[in-house]
Amino acid sequence: MAEEFSIAWNDDVAAELSGAAFEGLELAAEHLLQVSTELAPLEEGDLARSGAVTADKGVGVVAVSFDRPYAVRQHEDMTLRHDAGKKAKYLEDPMHDEADIMLALIARKASGSLGG
């Protein structure tokens, strides 16, 4: 007969784990911003400098954004030409390509809150 095993976390443990996971999410967003900034099209550097991470712990949202009027066009228009090492999809591609690293950053922060 199989044995059963369960863990009941109290509110303090759940809150600590949630807080650590959010910190990990912020860390992952900073990583994404760094990689995206390196790929952002470069004319004067204004687009790359506009990159930011914003976080709202109250609603559990972390965002990476670039705040220039032309940011969306530079990101979406695949017909534009860019300098070597710069590209369209400068935010979307790293979001996919760096997913394993970002998940590891989140997991490391969360496991660290449990003493792991």
N, C-alpha and C. Protein backbone atom coordinates (compact mmCIF):
# COMPACT_ATOMS: atom_id res chain seq x y z
N MET A 1 0.84 -1.17 0.00
CA MET A 1 0.00 0.00 0.00
C MET A 1 0.89 1.25 0.00
N ALA A 2 0.57 2.22 -0.83
CA ALA A 2 1.37 3.44 -0.94
C ALA A 2 1.16 4.32 0.28
N GLU A 3 2.25 4.93 0.70
CA GLU A 3 2.16 5.86 1.81
C GLU A 3 1.80 7.24 1.28
N GLU A 4 1.09 7.99 2.08
CA GLU A 4 0.73 9.35 1.70
C GLU A 4 1.61 10.34 2.45
N PHE A 5 1.89 11.45 1.79
CA PHE A 5 2.72 12.48 2.38
C PHE A 5 2.13 13.83 1.99
N SER A 6 1.99 14.70 2.93
CA SER A 6 1.49 16.03 2.60
C SER A 6 2.15 17.06 3.51
N ILE A 7 2.18 18.28 3.03
CA ILE A 7 2.73 19.39 3.79
C ILE A 7 1.68 20.49 3.81
N ALA A 8 1.41 21.01 4.97
CA ALA A 8 0.51 22.14 5.10
C ALA A 8 1.35 23.34 5.51
N TRP A 9 1.40 24.35 4.64
CA TRP A 9 2.16 25.55 4.96
C TRP A 9 1.26 26.54 5.67
N ASN A 10 1.81 27.14 6.69
CA ASN A 10 1.04 28.20 7.34
C ASN A 10 1.17 29.48 6.52
N ASP A 11 0.43 30.51 6.89
CA ASP A 11 0.41 31.75 6.13
C ASP A 11 1.78 32.42 6.07
N ASP A 12 2.59 32.31 7.13
CA ASP A 12 3.92 32.92 7.14
C ASP A 12 4.83 32.31 6.08
N VAL A 13 4.81 30.99 5.98
CA VAL A 13 5.65 30.30 4.99
C VAL A 13 5.18 30.64 3.58
N ALA A 14 3.89 30.63 3.37
CA ALA A 14 3.35 30.95 2.04
C ALA A 14 3.69 32.39 1.65
N ALA A 15 3.60 33.31 2.60
CA ALA A 15 3.92 34.71 2.31
C ALA A 15 5.40 34.88 2.00
N GLU A 16 6.24 34.19 2.74
CA GLU A 16 7.69 34.27 2.49
C GLU A 16 8.03 33.71 1.12
N LEU A 17 7.45 32.59 0.79
CA LEU A 17 7.69 31.97 -0.52
C LEU A 17 7.19 32.87 -1.64
N SER A 18 6.02 33.45 -1.46
CA SER A 18 5.47 34.34 -2.47
C SER A 18 6.35 35.58 -2.64
N GLY A 19 6.82 36.14 -1.53
CA GLY A 19 7.70 37.31 -1.60
C GLY A 19 9.00 37.01 -2.30
N ALA A 20 9.58 35.84 -2.00
CA ALA A 20 10.84 35.45 -2.63
C ALA A 20 10.63 35.21 -4.12
N ALA A 21 9.51 34.59 -4.48
CA ALA A 21 9.24 34.35 -5.90
C ALA A 21 9.09 35.68 -6.64
N PHE A 22 8.45 36.67 -6.00
CA PHE A 22 8.30 37.99 -6.63
C PHE A 22 9.67 38.64 -6.80
N GLU A 23 10.53 38.52 -5.79
CA GLU A 23 11.89 39.06 -5.91
C GLU A 23 12.62 38.37 -7.06
N GLY A 24 12.41 37.08 -7.21
CA GLY A 24 13.01 36.34 -8.32
C GLY A 24 12.48 36.82 -9.66
N LEU A 25 11.19 37.13 -9.69
CA LEU A 25 10.58 37.65 -10.91
C LEU A 25 11.19 39.00 -11.28
N GLU A 26 11.42 39.84 -10.28
CA GLU A 26 12.07 41.13 -10.53
C GLU A 26 13.50 40.92 -11.06
N LEU A 27 14.21 39.98 -10.48
CA LEU A 27 15.57 39.67 -10.92
C LEU A 27 15.56 39.16 -12.37
N ALA A 28 14.60 38.31 -12.69
CA ALA A 28 14.47 37.79 -14.05
C ALA A 28 14.16 38.93 -15.03
N ALA A 29 13.33 39.87 -14.61
CA ALA A 29 13.00 41.02 -15.46
C ALA A 29 14.22 41.89 -15.70
N GLU A 30 15.03 42.07 -14.68
CA GLU A 30 16.27 42.85 -14.85
C GLU A 30 17.20 42.16 -15.85
N HIS A 31 17.25 40.84 -15.78
CA HIS A 31 18.07 40.07 -16.75
C HIS A 31 17.53 40.29 -18.16
N LEU A 32 16.21 40.19 -18.31
CA LEU A 32 15.59 40.39 -19.62
C LEU A 32 15.87 41.80 -20.14
N LEU A 33 15.77 42.79 -19.27
CA LEU A 33 16.06 44.16 -19.68
C LEU A 33 17.50 44.30 -20.17
N GLN A 34 18.43 43.69 -19.46
CA GLN A 34 19.84 43.79 -19.85
C GLN A 34 20.06 43.18 -21.24
N VAL A 35 19.53 42.00 -21.47
CA VAL A 35 19.71 41.35 -22.76
C VAL A 35 18.99 42.13 -23.86
N SER A 36 17.77 42.58 -23.58
CA SER A 36 16.99 43.34 -24.57
C SER A 36 17.67 44.65 -24.94
N THR A 37 18.23 45.31 -23.95
CA THR A 37 18.91 46.59 -24.19
C THR A 37 20.09 46.40 -25.14
N GLU A 38 20.80 45.28 -25.00
CA GLU A 38 21.94 45.00 -25.87
C GLU A 38 21.50 44.79 -27.32
N LEU A 39 20.26 44.33 -27.53
CA LEU A 39 19.75 44.04 -28.87
C LEU A 39 18.94 45.18 -29.47
N ALA A 40 18.55 46.15 -28.65
CA ALA A 40 17.70 47.25 -29.12
C ALA A 40 18.40 48.04 -30.22
N PRO A 41 17.66 48.38 -31.28
CA PRO A 41 18.24 49.18 -32.36
C PRO A 41 18.88 50.45 -31.81
N LEU A 42 19.98 50.84 -32.43
CA LEU A 42 20.77 51.95 -31.92
C LEU A 42 20.95 53.01 -32.98
N GLU A 43 20.39 54.17 -32.72
CA GLU A 43 20.65 55.34 -33.56
C GLU A 43 21.41 56.33 -32.69
N GLU A 44 20.75 56.77 -31.64
CA GLU A 44 21.38 57.69 -30.69
C GLU A 44 21.46 57.09 -29.29
N GLY A 45 20.91 55.91 -29.11
CA GLY A 45 20.93 55.25 -27.81
C GLY A 45 19.73 55.59 -26.95
N ASP A 46 18.84 56.42 -27.49
CA ASP A 46 17.66 56.85 -26.74
C ASP A 46 16.73 55.68 -26.42
N LEU A 47 16.52 54.81 -27.37
CA LEU A 47 15.63 53.66 -27.17
C LEU A 47 16.17 52.76 -26.07
N ALA A 48 17.43 52.40 -26.16
CA ALA A 48 18.03 51.51 -25.15
C ALA A 48 17.98 52.13 -23.76
N ARG A 49 18.23 53.42 -23.66
CA ARG A 49 18.20 54.09 -22.35
C ARG A 49 16.80 54.19 -21.77
N SER A 50 15.77 54.04 -22.61
CA SER A 50 14.40 54.16 -22.12
C SER A 50 13.89 52.87 -21.49
N GLY A 51 14.64 51.79 -21.59
CA GLY A 51 14.22 50.52 -21.03
C GLY A 51 14.11 50.58 -19.51
N ALA A 52 13.07 49.93 -18.99
CA ALA A 52 12.85 49.95 -17.54
C ALA A 52 12.11 48.71 -17.08
N VAL A 53 12.32 48.38 -15.82
CA VAL A 53 11.56 47.34 -15.15
C VAL A 53 10.65 48.05 -14.15
N THR A 54 9.37 47.72 -14.20
CA THR A 54 8.43 48.24 -13.21
C THR A 54 7.78 47.06 -12.51
N ALA A 55 7.54 47.21 -11.22
CA ALA A 55 6.97 46.12 -10.43
C ALA A 55 5.88 46.65 -9.52
N ASP A 56 4.81 45.90 -9.43
CA ASP A 56 3.72 46.21 -8.51
C ASP A 56 3.43 44.95 -7.70
N LYS A 57 4.04 44.88 -6.54
CA LYS A 57 3.90 43.69 -5.70
C LYS A 57 2.45 43.48 -5.27
N GLY A 58 1.70 44.57 -5.12
CA GLY A 58 0.30 44.47 -4.71
C GLY A 58 -0.55 43.63 -5.65
N VAL A 59 -0.28 43.73 -6.94
CA VAL A 59 -1.03 42.93 -7.91
C VAL A 59 -0.19 41.81 -8.51
N GLY A 60 1.08 41.73 -8.11
CA GLY A 60 1.95 40.65 -8.56
C GLY A 60 2.39 40.76 -10.01
N VAL A 61 2.63 41.99 -10.48
CA VAL A 61 3.00 42.20 -11.87
C VAL A 61 4.38 42.84 -11.96
N VAL A 62 5.20 42.29 -12.85
CA VAL A 62 6.49 42.88 -13.17
C VAL A 62 6.52 43.04 -14.69
N ALA A 63 6.96 44.21 -15.16
CA ALA A 63 6.96 44.48 -16.59
C ALA A 63 8.31 45.03 -17.03
N VAL A 64 8.68 44.70 -18.26
CA VAL A 64 9.85 45.29 -18.91
C VAL A 64 9.30 46.08 -20.08
N SER A 65 9.72 47.34 -20.18
CA SER A 65 9.20 48.18 -21.26
C SER A 65 10.27 49.12 -21.78
N PHE A 66 10.02 49.61 -22.99
CA PHE A 66 10.85 50.63 -23.62
C PHE A 66 9.92 51.78 -23.96
N ASP A 67 10.25 52.97 -23.50
CA ASP A 67 9.32 54.09 -23.55
C ASP A 67 9.78 55.18 -24.52
N ARG A 68 9.65 54.89 -25.78
CA ARG A 68 9.93 55.86 -26.82
C ARG A 68 8.79 55.76 -27.84
N PRO A 69 8.43 56.85 -28.50
CA PRO A 69 7.32 56.81 -29.45
C PRO A 69 7.53 55.79 -30.57
N TYR A 70 8.77 55.51 -30.90
CA TYR A 70 9.08 54.60 -32.01
C TYR A 70 9.44 53.20 -31.53
N ALA A 71 9.33 52.91 -30.26
CA ALA A 71 9.75 51.61 -29.71
C ALA A 71 8.97 50.45 -30.34
N VAL A 72 7.66 50.61 -30.47
CA VAL A 72 6.84 49.53 -31.03
C VAL A 72 7.20 49.29 -32.49
N ARG A 73 7.34 50.36 -33.27
CA ARG A 73 7.69 50.17 -34.68
C ARG A 73 9.05 49.49 -34.82
N GLN A 74 10.02 49.93 -34.04
CA GLN A 74 11.35 49.31 -34.11
C GLN A 74 11.27 47.83 -33.71
N HIS A 75 10.39 47.51 -32.80
CA HIS A 75 10.25 46.12 -32.35
C HIS A 75 9.52 45.26 -33.37
N GLU A 76 8.48 45.79 -33.96
CA GLU A 76 7.59 44.98 -34.80
C GLU A 76 7.91 44.99 -36.29
N ASP A 77 8.51 46.05 -36.81
CA ASP A 77 8.72 46.17 -38.26
C ASP A 77 9.97 45.39 -38.67
N MET A 78 9.74 44.22 -39.22
CA MET A 78 10.84 43.34 -39.61
C MET A 78 11.54 43.80 -40.89
N THR A 79 11.03 44.85 -41.54
CA THR A 79 11.67 45.34 -42.77
C THR A 79 12.73 46.40 -42.48
N LEU A 80 12.78 46.93 -41.28
CA LEU A 80 13.78 47.94 -40.95
C LEU A 80 15.17 47.31 -40.86
N ARG A 81 16.15 48.06 -41.26
CA ARG A 81 17.54 47.59 -41.18
C ARG A 81 18.18 48.11 -39.91
N HIS A 82 19.00 47.27 -39.30
CA HIS A 82 19.65 47.65 -38.04
C HIS A 82 21.14 47.34 -38.11
N ASP A 83 21.90 48.04 -37.28
CA ASP A 83 23.33 47.78 -37.18
C ASP A 83 23.57 46.34 -36.71
N ALA A 84 24.76 45.84 -36.95
CA ALA A 84 25.12 44.48 -36.53
C ALA A 84 24.89 44.32 -35.03
N GLY A 85 24.27 43.22 -34.67
CA GLY A 85 24.02 42.93 -33.26
C GLY A 85 22.76 43.57 -32.72
N LYS A 86 22.09 44.38 -33.52
CA LYS A 86 20.85 45.04 -33.14
C LYS A 86 19.73 44.48 -33.99
N LYS A 87 18.49 44.53 -33.50
CA LYS A 87 17.43 43.86 -34.25
C LYS A 87 16.05 44.29 -33.84
N ALA A 88 15.08 43.97 -34.69
CA ALA A 88 13.67 44.04 -34.30
C ALA A 88 13.45 42.87 -33.33
N LYS A 89 12.33 42.84 -32.68
CA LYS A 89 12.00 41.79 -31.70
C LYS A 89 13.04 41.73 -30.59
N TYR A 90 13.61 42.90 -30.27
CA TYR A 90 14.66 43.00 -29.25
C TYR A 90 14.17 42.65 -27.85
N LEU A 91 12.87 42.65 -27.63
CA LEU A 91 12.32 42.26 -26.33
C LEU A 91 11.70 40.86 -26.39
N GLU A 92 10.98 40.59 -27.44
CA GLU A 92 10.30 39.31 -27.59
C GLU A 92 11.27 38.13 -27.71
N ASP A 93 12.27 38.27 -28.54
CA ASP A 93 13.21 37.15 -28.74
C ASP A 93 13.94 36.77 -27.44
N PRO A 94 14.48 37.73 -26.69
CA PRO A 94 15.13 37.34 -25.43
C PRO A 94 14.15 36.75 -24.41
N MET A 95 12.89 37.16 -24.49
CA MET A 95 11.89 36.59 -23.58
C MET A 95 11.81 35.09 -23.80
N HIS A 96 11.92 34.66 -25.03
CA HIS A 96 11.90 33.23 -25.34
C HIS A 96 13.28 32.60 -25.13
N ASP A 97 14.31 33.24 -25.66
CA ASP A 97 15.66 32.68 -25.63
C ASP A 97 16.24 32.58 -24.22
N GLU A 98 15.85 33.47 -23.35
CA GLU A 98 16.40 33.52 -21.99
C GLU A 98 15.45 32.91 -20.95
N ALA A 99 14.40 32.25 -21.40
CA ALA A 99 13.37 31.72 -20.49
C ALA A 99 13.96 30.80 -19.43
N ASP A 100 14.84 29.90 -19.81
CA ASP A 100 15.42 28.96 -18.84
C ASP A 100 16.23 29.70 -17.77
N ILE A 101 16.97 30.69 -18.18
CA ILE A 101 17.76 31.47 -17.22
C ILE A 101 16.84 32.24 -16.28
N MET A 102 15.80 32.85 -16.83
CA MET A 102 14.88 33.62 -15.99
C MET A 102 14.14 32.72 -15.01
N LEU A 103 13.72 31.55 -15.45
CA LEU A 103 13.05 30.61 -14.55
C LEU A 103 14.01 30.14 -13.45
N ALA A 104 15.27 29.94 -13.80
CA ALA A 104 16.26 29.54 -12.80
C ALA A 104 16.48 30.65 -11.76
N LEU A 105 16.47 31.90 -12.20
CA LEU A 105 16.61 33.02 -11.27
C LEU A 105 15.45 33.08 -10.29
N ILE A 106 14.25 32.87 -10.80
CA ILE A 106 13.06 32.86 -9.94
C ILE A 106 13.13 31.70 -8.96
N ALA A 107 13.46 30.52 -9.47
CA ALA A 107 13.52 29.32 -8.61
C ALA A 107 14.60 29.46 -7.54
N ARG A 108 15.75 30.04 -7.91
CA ARG A 108 16.84 30.20 -6.94
C ARG A 108 16.40 31.10 -5.79
N LYS A 109 15.72 32.19 -6.13
CA LYS A 109 15.24 33.11 -5.07
C LYS A 109 14.21 32.40 -4.19
N ALA A 110 13.28 31.67 -4.82
CA ALA A 110 12.23 30.99 -4.06
C ALA A 110 12.81 29.89 -3.17
N SER A 111 13.74 29.11 -3.72
CA SER A 111 14.32 28.03 -2.90
C SER A 111 15.21 28.59 -1.80
N GLY A 112 15.81 29.75 -2.04
CA GLY A 112 16.61 30.39 -1.01
C GLY A 112 15.79 30.81 0.19
N SER A 113 14.52 31.14 -0.04
CA SER A 113 13.65 31.54 1.08
C SER A 113 13.29 30.35 1.96
N LEU A 114 13.47 29.15 1.42
CA LEU A 114 13.20 27.94 2.20
C LEU A 114 14.47 27.37 2.81
N GLY A 115 15.55 28.11 2.66
CA GLY A 115 16.82 27.66 3.21
C GLY A 115 17.56 26.71 2.31
N GLY A 116 17.15 26.64 1.02
CA GLY A 116 17.76 25.70 0.08
C GLY A 116 18.84 26.26 -0.74
